[in-house]
Amino acid sequence: MPTHKLALSIALVLVPSLVTAQSPARVSTTVFTNVSVVPMDSARILTNQTVVVRGDRIVSVGPAARASVPAGARRIDGRGKFLMPGLAEMHGHVPPPNAAPAQVANTMFLYVAGGVTTVRGMLGAPGQLELRDRVARGELLGPTLYLAGPSFNGNSVNSPADAERMVREQKAAGWDLLKVHPGLTREEYDAMARTAKSVGIRFGGHVPTDVGLLHAITAGQETFDHLDGYIELLNGEAGPLDSAALADVVRRTREAGAWVVPTSVLWETLVGVTSLETLRALPELRYMPRNVVQQWVTAHENRLRSPNYDAAAARRIAANRVALLRALHQGGVRVLMGTDAPQQFSVPGFSIYRELHKMAESEMTPYEILATGTRNVGEYFKSSDKFGLVAGGHRADLLLLDANPLRDLGALQRRSGVMVRGRWLPESEITAELNRIAAMQSQ
């Protein structure tokens, strides 16, 4: 079962929500006192710190003994707690233009409720640029959005001239990047790549079959989402990965400065490794509409019943993906956190937790795993903004945790609250809204 042919359609029929448009928060000062800071510039903890936030920026981070708290500031007691940057979903999706406003608001909330404060949306549609701007202005509670335009694929592009035109149109419209899907010819892909370079817009996503991974690396594709093209190149469906060929493609990827977005948990679902019993037991499914969950269940049942389904091949692919990510990471290729939510059994915000633990199978340390959703993302977007660390001048996207995430990744689900662009959401408010969503889905 060639992995590039897996169904990757996004289930964007989203849950109705009680979350309504938010008024922009007043510029205010919040101070976290006596907190242990996980700055994410290295695998270290800074104890007894005072962190001052004004508006949407971190103003200062320093020892509590020497810090002064501005008059009138809101104080959040950080004793026994750990403050780290918010997480990022680097292959996420936002609702299509025909979604109801409440559904849009609810999707944005689910991301934030999971501690995801930045989302790179990977399937553009009309209206999403306006959504990006509304969120940025504070009119709607949600993560900061960086959006790919409508995808370049075999249906949307019919010639090299089409590809060039689409690049220029998307750049002019204000999309943040281009999304590559299967179906492009090499000539169309090359026209897209050349034009993207000339107008200054990045591109990433899948690797069309006619293009191939090695050519896409050479052409300057920035991200390879789902590890697209690697298993095919290395014939990873048939047996163990060839060590020499693996080392060569790792070197090529590193030298090109490309990034990978593994989406490992989703891929194990799509190849049929994860049991339906395990998937149906995921607690976060209560935040999704019943009909959407049933669609996911039906798709998985059909996958396992297909005459083309090969359980042994699926297990080989899953094992080889673990080995591939290990080799890429250890070979110096930069990794970005992503889950492709909302997608089959990947609920916005909550799918991140499963992905973090999956990465540990590739021998990444907790710091290295957390860096894929914080520090690395800040590096990827450094020309657009400053975020991804707990440091002065960085965007105030923060998670206040009840335990040390460098020791236990499970600490991410034991929180006292989330701050998104300087807006503080105590865990009690997050839980109350999630309970309302779950109650709506149970009716």
Protein backbone atom coordinates (compact mmCIF):
# COMPACT_ATOMS: atom_id res chain seq x y z
CA MET A 1 0.00 0.00 0.00
CA PRO A 2 2.01 3.03 -1.20
CA THR A 3 1.97 5.63 1.55
CA HIS A 4 1.69 8.52 -0.91
CA LYS A 5 -1.73 7.21 -1.90
CA LEU A 6 -3.17 7.25 1.61
CA ALA A 7 -6.34 9.26 2.03
CA LEU A 8 -5.42 12.58 3.62
CA SER A 9 -8.75 14.39 3.25
CA ILE A 10 -9.45 16.54 6.27
CA ALA A 11 -12.61 16.03 8.28
CA LEU A 12 -13.61 19.65 8.65
CA VAL A 13 -17.18 19.18 9.78
CA LEU A 14 -16.54 20.68 13.17
CA VAL A 15 -18.36 20.82 16.46
CA PRO A 16 -20.76 23.67 17.21
CA SER A 17 -19.37 25.88 19.95
CA LEU A 18 -20.49 28.18 22.71
CA VAL A 19 -17.33 30.21 22.25
CA THR A 20 -18.21 33.55 20.72
CA ALA A 21 -16.09 36.33 19.31
CA GLN A 22 -13.92 37.90 21.95
CA SER A 23 -13.31 41.60 22.38
CA PRO A 24 -9.64 42.59 22.15
CA ALA A 25 -8.07 42.46 25.59
CA ARG A 26 -6.86 45.73 27.05
CA VAL A 27 -3.10 46.20 27.14
CA SER A 28 -2.23 45.05 30.65
CA THR A 29 0.64 43.70 32.68
CA THR A 30 0.77 40.18 34.09
CA VAL A 31 3.55 38.93 36.36
CA PHE A 32 4.38 35.30 37.10
CA THR A 33 6.13 35.29 40.48
CA ASN A 34 8.50 32.75 42.05
CA VAL A 35 8.14 30.42 39.08
CA SER A 36 10.53 27.86 37.62
CA VAL A 37 11.13 28.81 33.99
CA VAL A 38 11.72 26.30 31.20
CA PRO A 39 13.19 28.80 28.70
CA MET A 40 13.70 26.17 25.94
CA ASP A 41 16.98 27.73 24.82
CA SER A 42 18.61 24.62 26.29
CA ALA A 43 17.64 21.74 28.55
CA ARG A 44 17.70 23.82 31.72
CA ILE A 45 15.41 25.16 34.45
CA LEU A 46 15.68 28.66 35.91
CA THR A 47 14.33 28.57 39.47
CA ASN A 48 12.65 31.35 41.48
CA GLN A 49 12.04 33.65 38.53
CA THR A 50 9.78 36.61 37.94
CA VAL A 51 8.39 36.88 34.40
CA VAL A 52 6.77 40.16 33.37
CA VAL A 53 4.33 40.28 30.45
CA ARG A 54 2.95 43.50 29.02
CA GLY A 55 0.45 43.34 26.21
CA ASP A 56 1.40 40.45 23.94
CA ARG A 57 5.13 40.46 24.81
CA ILE A 58 7.37 39.07 27.50
CA VAL A 59 9.11 42.14 28.93
CA SER A 60 11.60 40.50 31.28
CA VAL A 61 12.69 37.25 32.88
CA GLY A 62 14.88 37.42 35.97
CA PRO A 63 15.55 36.22 39.53
CA ALA A 64 12.65 36.94 41.87
CA ALA A 65 15.01 38.38 44.51
CA ARG A 66 15.99 41.23 42.18
CA ALA A 67 12.78 41.76 40.23
CA SER A 68 10.30 44.54 40.76
CA VAL A 69 6.62 44.02 40.07
CA PRO A 70 4.95 46.92 38.23
CA ALA A 71 2.19 48.65 40.18
CA GLY A 72 -1.27 47.41 39.25
CA ALA A 73 0.01 44.27 37.58
CA ARG A 74 -1.94 41.03 37.82
CA ARG A 75 0.11 38.54 39.83
CA ILE A 76 0.08 34.80 39.15
CA ASP A 77 1.76 32.76 41.88
CA GLY A 78 4.19 30.34 40.27
CA ARG A 79 5.47 28.60 43.39
CA GLY A 80 5.99 24.92 42.59
CA LYS A 81 5.07 25.47 38.95
CA PHE A 82 6.91 25.55 35.62
CA LEU A 83 6.51 28.15 32.88
CA MET A 84 7.34 27.14 29.31
CA PRO A 85 6.50 28.43 25.81
CA GLY A 86 3.22 27.50 24.19
CA LEU A 87 3.27 24.66 21.67
CA ALA A 88 2.81 24.79 17.90
CA GLU A 89 0.87 22.64 15.44
CA MET A 90 2.93 22.84 12.25
CA HIS A 91 0.58 20.79 10.10
CA GLY A 92 -2.87 21.84 11.19
CA HIS A 93 -6.09 22.92 9.54
CA VAL A 94 -8.70 25.59 10.10
CA PRO A 95 -12.34 25.43 9.02
CA PRO A 96 -13.43 26.04 5.43
CA PRO A 97 -15.41 29.16 4.45
CA ASN A 98 -18.79 27.42 4.68
CA ALA A 99 -18.32 26.57 8.37
CA ALA A 100 -20.62 28.31 10.84
CA PRO A 101 -19.00 31.07 12.92
CA ALA A 102 -19.51 29.07 16.11
CA GLN A 103 -17.72 26.09 14.56
CA VAL A 104 -14.77 28.26 13.62
CA ALA A 105 -14.57 29.72 17.12
CA ASN A 106 -14.75 26.27 18.65
CA THR A 107 -11.89 24.90 16.55
CA MET A 108 -9.71 27.83 17.52
CA PHE A 109 -10.58 27.24 21.17
CA LEU A 110 -9.72 23.54 21.05
CA TYR A 111 -6.21 24.35 19.85
CA VAL A 112 -5.67 26.79 22.71
CA ALA A 113 -7.25 24.41 25.23
CA GLY A 114 -4.57 21.88 24.32
CA GLY A 115 -1.78 24.41 24.87
CA VAL A 116 -1.30 25.05 21.14
CA THR A 117 -0.69 28.78 20.66
CA THR A 118 0.61 28.72 17.07
CA VAL A 119 -0.86 26.85 14.08
CA ARG A 120 0.51 26.56 10.55
CA GLY A 121 -2.62 25.90 8.52
CA MET A 122 -1.90 23.65 5.56
CA LEU A 123 -4.97 23.88 3.32
CA GLY A 124 -5.97 27.39 2.33
CA ALA A 125 -9.49 28.47 1.40
CA PRO A 126 -11.31 31.78 0.93
CA GLY A 127 -11.99 33.59 4.19
CA GLN A 128 -9.07 32.14 6.10
CA LEU A 129 -6.88 35.22 5.70
CA GLU A 130 -9.64 37.26 7.34
CA LEU A 131 -9.79 34.64 10.12
CA ARG A 132 -6.04 34.97 10.63
CA ASP A 133 -6.41 38.73 11.00
CA ARG A 134 -9.39 38.51 13.36
CA VAL A 135 -7.48 36.21 15.67
CA ALA A 136 -4.42 38.48 15.56
CA ARG A 137 -6.57 41.49 16.49
CA GLY A 138 -8.06 39.63 19.45
CA GLU A 139 -11.58 39.54 18.06
CA LEU A 140 -11.58 35.75 18.27
CA LEU A 141 -9.76 33.61 20.81
CA GLY A 142 -7.30 31.34 19.04
CA PRO A 143 -3.69 30.54 18.24
CA THR A 144 -1.57 32.74 16.02
CA LEU A 145 -2.14 31.51 12.46
CA TYR A 146 0.30 31.13 9.58
CA LEU A 147 -1.58 29.94 6.53
CA ALA A 148 -0.77 28.10 3.33
CA GLY A 149 -2.86 29.06 0.32
CA PRO A 150 -5.05 26.71 -1.74
CA SER A 151 -2.97 23.69 -2.68
CA PHE A 152 -0.93 23.07 -5.81
CA ASN A 153 -2.14 19.69 -7.06
CA GLY A 154 -3.04 17.78 -10.20
CA ASN A 155 -6.46 19.40 -10.39
CA SER A 156 -5.59 23.01 -9.57
CA VAL A 157 -2.51 23.17 -11.82
CA ASN A 158 -2.67 22.16 -15.49
CA SER A 159 0.54 23.69 -16.84
CA PRO A 160 3.78 25.38 -15.73
CA ALA A 161 2.12 28.70 -16.56
CA ASP A 162 -0.73 27.83 -14.18
CA ALA A 163 1.79 27.10 -11.42
CA GLU A 164 3.60 30.40 -11.93
CA ARG A 165 0.35 32.35 -11.95
CA MET A 166 -0.87 30.70 -8.74
CA VAL A 167 2.38 31.49 -6.93
CA ARG A 168 2.18 35.16 -7.84
CA GLU A 169 -1.51 35.36 -6.93
CA GLN A 170 -1.00 33.73 -3.55
CA LYS A 171 1.98 35.91 -2.73
CA ALA A 172 0.00 39.04 -3.63
CA ALA A 173 -3.01 37.88 -1.57
CA GLY A 174 -0.89 37.55 1.57
CA TRP A 175 -0.70 33.80 2.16
CA ASP A 176 2.27 32.79 4.30
CA LEU A 177 3.39 29.78 2.24
CA LEU A 178 2.45 27.45 -0.61
CA LYS A 179 1.05 23.96 -0.05
CA VAL A 180 2.22 21.12 -2.33
CA HIS A 181 -0.11 18.17 -2.89
CA PRO A 182 0.32 15.11 -5.15
CA GLY A 183 -0.41 15.28 -8.86
CA LEU A 184 1.99 17.92 -10.14
CA THR A 185 4.27 17.09 -13.05
CA ARG A 186 7.95 17.85 -12.62
CA GLU A 187 7.65 20.78 -15.03
CA GLU A 188 4.75 22.26 -13.07
CA TYR A 189 6.53 21.72 -9.77
CA ASP A 190 9.72 23.34 -11.05
CA ALA A 191 7.76 26.35 -12.33
CA MET A 192 6.20 26.70 -8.89
CA ALA A 193 9.58 26.39 -7.14
CA ARG A 194 11.33 28.89 -9.41
CA THR A 195 8.57 31.44 -9.08
CA ALA A 196 8.33 30.97 -5.31
CA LYS A 197 12.03 31.71 -4.99
CA SER A 198 11.79 34.78 -7.19
CA VAL A 199 8.86 36.34 -5.29
CA GLY A 200 10.02 35.22 -1.85
CA ILE A 201 7.45 32.73 -0.56
CA ARG A 202 8.21 29.37 1.00
CA PHE A 203 6.60 26.06 0.06
CA GLY A 204 6.16 22.67 1.67
CA GLY A 205 3.92 19.65 2.12
CA HIS A 206 3.84 16.50 0.01
CA VAL A 207 6.14 15.20 -2.74
CA PRO A 208 4.40 14.51 -6.08
CA THR A 209 5.29 11.13 -7.53
CA ASP A 210 6.66 12.60 -10.77
CA VAL A 211 8.92 14.91 -8.77
CA GLY A 212 10.48 12.55 -6.23
CA LEU A 213 12.03 13.36 -2.88
CA LEU A 214 15.59 14.00 -4.05
CA HIS A 215 14.48 16.47 -6.72
CA ALA A 216 12.17 18.23 -4.23
CA ILE A 217 15.06 18.61 -1.79
CA THR A 218 17.24 20.12 -4.52
CA ALA A 219 14.42 22.43 -5.64
CA GLY A 220 14.22 24.03 -2.20
CA GLN A 221 11.08 22.54 -0.68
CA GLU A 222 11.25 23.68 2.93
CA THR A 223 9.15 21.12 4.78
CA PHE A 224 8.42 17.49 4.08
CA ASP A 225 5.19 16.81 5.91
CA HIS A 226 4.26 13.27 6.96
CA LEU A 227 7.92 12.40 6.06
CA ASP A 228 6.54 12.34 2.55
CA GLY A 229 8.66 10.56 -0.02
CA TYR A 230 11.20 9.01 2.35
CA ILE A 231 9.67 5.57 2.77
CA GLU A 232 9.03 5.33 -0.98
CA LEU A 233 12.59 6.33 -1.84
CA LEU A 234 14.02 3.85 0.65
CA ASN A 235 11.57 1.04 -0.28
CA GLY A 236 10.52 0.94 3.35
CA GLU A 237 7.33 -0.95 2.64
CA ALA A 238 9.23 -4.07 1.63
CA GLY A 239 11.78 -4.45 4.41
CA PRO A 240 14.36 -2.73 6.62
CA LEU A 241 15.79 0.60 5.48
CA ASP A 242 19.09 0.41 3.61
CA SER A 243 21.61 2.10 5.91
CA ALA A 244 23.72 3.66 3.13
CA ALA A 245 20.72 5.06 1.27
CA LEU A 246 19.25 6.33 4.55
CA ALA A 247 22.48 8.09 5.48
CA ASP A 248 22.63 9.69 2.05
CA VAL A 249 19.10 11.14 2.13
CA VAL A 250 19.59 12.34 5.71
CA ARG A 251 22.73 14.18 4.59
CA ARG A 252 20.96 15.70 1.58
CA THR A 253 18.05 16.87 3.73
CA ARG A 254 20.35 18.42 6.34
CA GLU A 255 22.57 20.16 3.80
CA ALA A 256 19.53 21.63 2.04
CA GLY A 257 18.31 23.11 5.32
CA ALA A 258 14.94 21.39 4.95
CA TRP A 259 12.63 20.52 7.85
CA VAL A 260 10.44 17.46 8.48
CA VAL A 261 6.98 17.34 10.08
CA PRO A 262 6.47 13.65 10.96
CA THR A 263 2.74 13.44 11.92
CA SER A 264 3.64 9.93 13.09
CA VAL A 265 0.53 9.13 15.12
CA LEU A 266 -1.82 9.99 12.28
CA TRP A 267 0.21 7.93 9.85
CA GLU A 268 -0.03 4.86 12.06
CA THR A 269 -3.79 5.33 11.97
CA LEU A 270 -3.85 5.70 8.19
CA VAL A 271 -1.73 2.61 7.50
CA GLY A 272 -3.90 0.61 9.89
CA VAL A 273 -1.49 -0.16 12.71
CA THR A 274 -3.44 1.38 15.59
CA SER A 275 -6.42 -0.70 16.68
CA LEU A 276 -9.91 0.69 16.41
CA GLU A 277 -10.47 -0.18 20.07
CA THR A 278 -7.55 2.09 21.04
CA LEU A 279 -8.74 4.91 18.81
CA ARG A 280 -12.34 4.83 20.01
CA ALA A 281 -11.15 5.04 23.62
CA LEU A 282 -9.43 8.42 23.14
CA PRO A 283 -11.04 10.74 25.72
CA GLU A 284 -10.75 13.84 23.51
CA LEU A 285 -13.25 12.40 21.03
CA ARG A 286 -15.98 13.75 23.30
CA TYR A 287 -15.20 17.20 21.94
CA MET A 288 -16.02 16.20 18.36
CA PRO A 289 -19.46 15.74 16.76
CA ARG A 290 -20.77 12.21 16.87
CA ASN A 291 -21.21 12.06 13.11
CA VAL A 292 -17.56 13.07 12.55
CA VAL A 293 -16.30 10.42 14.95
CA GLN A 294 -18.51 7.85 13.22
CA GLN A 295 -17.03 8.86 9.86
CA TRP A 296 -13.58 8.22 11.31
CA VAL A 297 -14.67 4.85 12.66
CA THR A 298 -16.18 3.83 9.33
CA ALA A 299 -13.05 4.90 7.43
CA HIS A 300 -10.88 2.80 9.74
CA GLU A 301 -13.14 -0.23 9.47
CA ASN A 302 -13.11 0.04 5.67
CA ARG A 303 -9.34 0.36 5.69
CA LEU A 304 -8.90 -2.86 7.63
CA ARG A 305 -11.42 -4.71 5.42
CA SER A 306 -9.83 -3.58 2.16
CA PRO A 307 -8.43 -6.44 0.01
CA ASN A 308 -5.30 -4.30 -0.39
CA TYR A 309 -4.71 -4.06 3.36
CA ASP A 310 -1.51 -5.84 4.42
CA ALA A 311 -1.07 -5.86 8.19
CA ALA A 312 2.55 -7.01 8.00
CA ALA A 313 3.43 -4.26 5.54
CA ALA A 314 1.70 -1.70 7.77
CA ARG A 315 3.81 -2.81 10.74
CA ARG A 316 6.98 -2.56 8.63
CA ILE A 317 6.09 0.96 7.54
CA ALA A 318 5.41 2.00 11.13
CA ALA A 319 8.70 0.54 12.37
CA ASN A 320 10.63 2.08 9.52
CA ARG A 321 9.11 5.49 10.19
CA VAL A 322 10.41 5.31 13.77
CA ALA A 323 13.87 4.38 12.47
CA LEU A 324 13.67 7.11 9.82
CA LEU A 325 12.82 9.85 12.32
CA ARG A 326 15.62 8.63 14.57
CA ALA A 327 18.12 8.84 11.72
CA LEU A 328 16.89 12.25 10.57
CA HIS A 329 17.04 13.71 14.06
CA GLN A 330 20.41 12.21 14.93
CA GLY A 331 21.71 13.30 11.53
CA GLY A 332 20.98 16.94 12.27
CA VAL A 333 17.75 17.40 10.28
CA ARG A 334 15.43 19.86 12.00
CA VAL A 335 12.07 18.50 13.15
CA LEU A 336 8.78 20.39 13.60
CA MET A 337 5.79 19.24 15.64
CA GLY A 338 2.65 18.46 13.66
CA THR A 339 -0.34 16.12 13.75
CA ASP A 340 -2.60 17.10 10.79
CA ALA A 341 -5.52 17.91 13.11
CA PRO A 342 -8.44 17.83 12.64
CA GLN A 343 -8.03 14.52 10.90
CA GLN A 344 -8.95 10.92 11.61
CA PHE A 345 -8.85 10.57 15.41
CA SER A 346 -6.63 13.66 15.71
CA VAL A 347 -8.53 16.30 17.68
CA PRO A 348 -7.16 19.87 17.50
CA GLY A 349 -4.86 20.64 20.40
CA PHE A 350 -5.10 17.22 22.00
CA SER A 351 -3.41 15.20 19.24
CA ILE A 352 -0.15 16.94 20.16
CA TYR A 353 0.13 14.91 23.37
CA ARG A 354 0.09 11.61 21.51
CA GLU A 355 2.64 12.88 18.99
CA LEU A 356 5.05 13.94 21.74
CA HIS A 357 5.08 10.48 23.24
CA LYS A 358 5.44 8.85 19.82
CA MET A 359 8.58 10.88 19.16
CA ALA A 360 10.18 9.35 22.24
CA GLU A 361 10.28 6.01 20.40
CA SER A 362 12.84 7.59 18.05
CA GLU A 363 15.17 8.20 21.03
CA MET A 364 14.53 11.91 21.30
CA THR A 365 14.86 13.39 24.79
CA PRO A 366 11.99 15.34 26.37
CA TYR A 367 13.81 18.61 25.65
CA GLU A 368 14.42 17.64 22.02
CA ILE A 369 10.77 16.68 21.62
CA LEU A 370 9.46 19.87 23.20
CA ALA A 371 11.85 21.91 21.05
CA THR A 372 10.06 20.67 17.90
CA GLY A 373 6.95 22.56 19.04
CA THR A 374 8.63 25.62 20.59
CA ARG A 375 12.20 26.66 19.85
CA ASN A 376 12.34 25.05 16.40
CA VAL A 377 9.09 26.70 15.35
CA GLY A 378 10.37 30.08 16.47
CA GLU A 379 13.46 29.49 14.35
CA TYR A 380 11.33 28.49 11.34
CA PHE A 381 9.25 31.68 11.62
CA LYS A 382 12.05 34.00 12.78
CA SER A 383 11.56 36.35 9.84
CA SER A 384 7.91 36.87 10.83
CA ASP A 385 7.95 37.22 14.62
CA LYS A 386 9.88 36.42 17.77
CA PHE A 387 8.50 33.53 19.81
CA GLY A 388 9.25 29.98 20.95
CA LEU A 389 11.30 30.81 24.07
CA VAL A 390 10.54 32.27 27.49
CA ALA A 391 12.70 35.33 26.94
CA GLY A 392 12.37 39.08 26.78
CA GLY A 393 10.84 40.37 23.55
CA HIS A 394 9.19 37.05 22.68
CA ARG A 395 5.48 36.72 22.07
CA ALA A 396 3.71 35.95 25.35
CA ASP A 397 2.51 32.43 24.52
CA LEU A 398 3.02 30.47 27.72
CA LEU A 399 1.98 27.31 29.55
CA LEU A 400 2.00 27.24 33.35
CA LEU A 401 2.51 23.60 34.35
CA ASP A 402 2.24 21.80 37.68
CA ALA A 403 5.29 19.59 37.00
CA ASN A 404 8.60 19.66 35.13
CA PRO A 405 8.08 18.77 31.43
CA LEU A 406 11.79 18.04 30.96
CA ARG A 407 11.34 15.06 33.28
CA ASP A 408 7.86 13.96 32.24
CA LEU A 409 6.06 14.95 29.04
CA GLY A 410 2.81 14.13 30.82
CA ALA A 411 3.28 17.41 32.70
CA LEU A 412 1.83 19.18 29.66
CA GLN A 413 -1.58 17.87 30.65
CA ARG A 414 -1.22 19.03 34.26
CA ARG A 415 -1.56 22.77 33.88
CA SER A 416 -2.64 25.83 35.80
CA GLY A 417 -3.37 27.80 32.66
CA VAL A 418 -2.48 28.98 29.17
CA MET A 419 -1.43 32.43 28.00
CA VAL A 420 -1.96 33.25 24.32
CA ARG A 421 -0.55 36.55 23.06
CA GLY A 422 -0.67 37.92 26.60
CA ARG A 423 -4.22 36.81 27.35
CA TRP A 424 -4.34 34.62 30.46
CA LEU A 425 -6.74 31.67 30.57
CA PRO A 426 -6.78 29.88 33.93
CA GLU A 427 -7.34 26.17 33.71
CA SER A 428 -10.73 26.51 35.40
CA GLU A 429 -12.03 28.58 32.46
CA ILE A 430 -10.57 26.16 29.92
CA THR A 431 -12.13 23.19 31.68
CA ALA A 432 -15.52 24.88 31.92
CA GLU A 433 -15.63 25.55 28.19
CA LEU A 434 -14.48 22.02 27.35
CA ASN A 435 -17.20 20.64 29.59
CA ARG A 436 -19.80 22.68 27.70
CA ILE A 437 -18.50 21.35 24.38
CA ALA A 438 -18.54 17.76 25.65
CA ALA A 439 -22.08 18.18 26.92
CA MET A 440 -23.25 19.45 23.54
CA GLN A 441 -21.78 16.41 21.79
CA SER A 442 -23.50 14.02 24.20
CA GLN A 443 -26.97 15.30 23.32
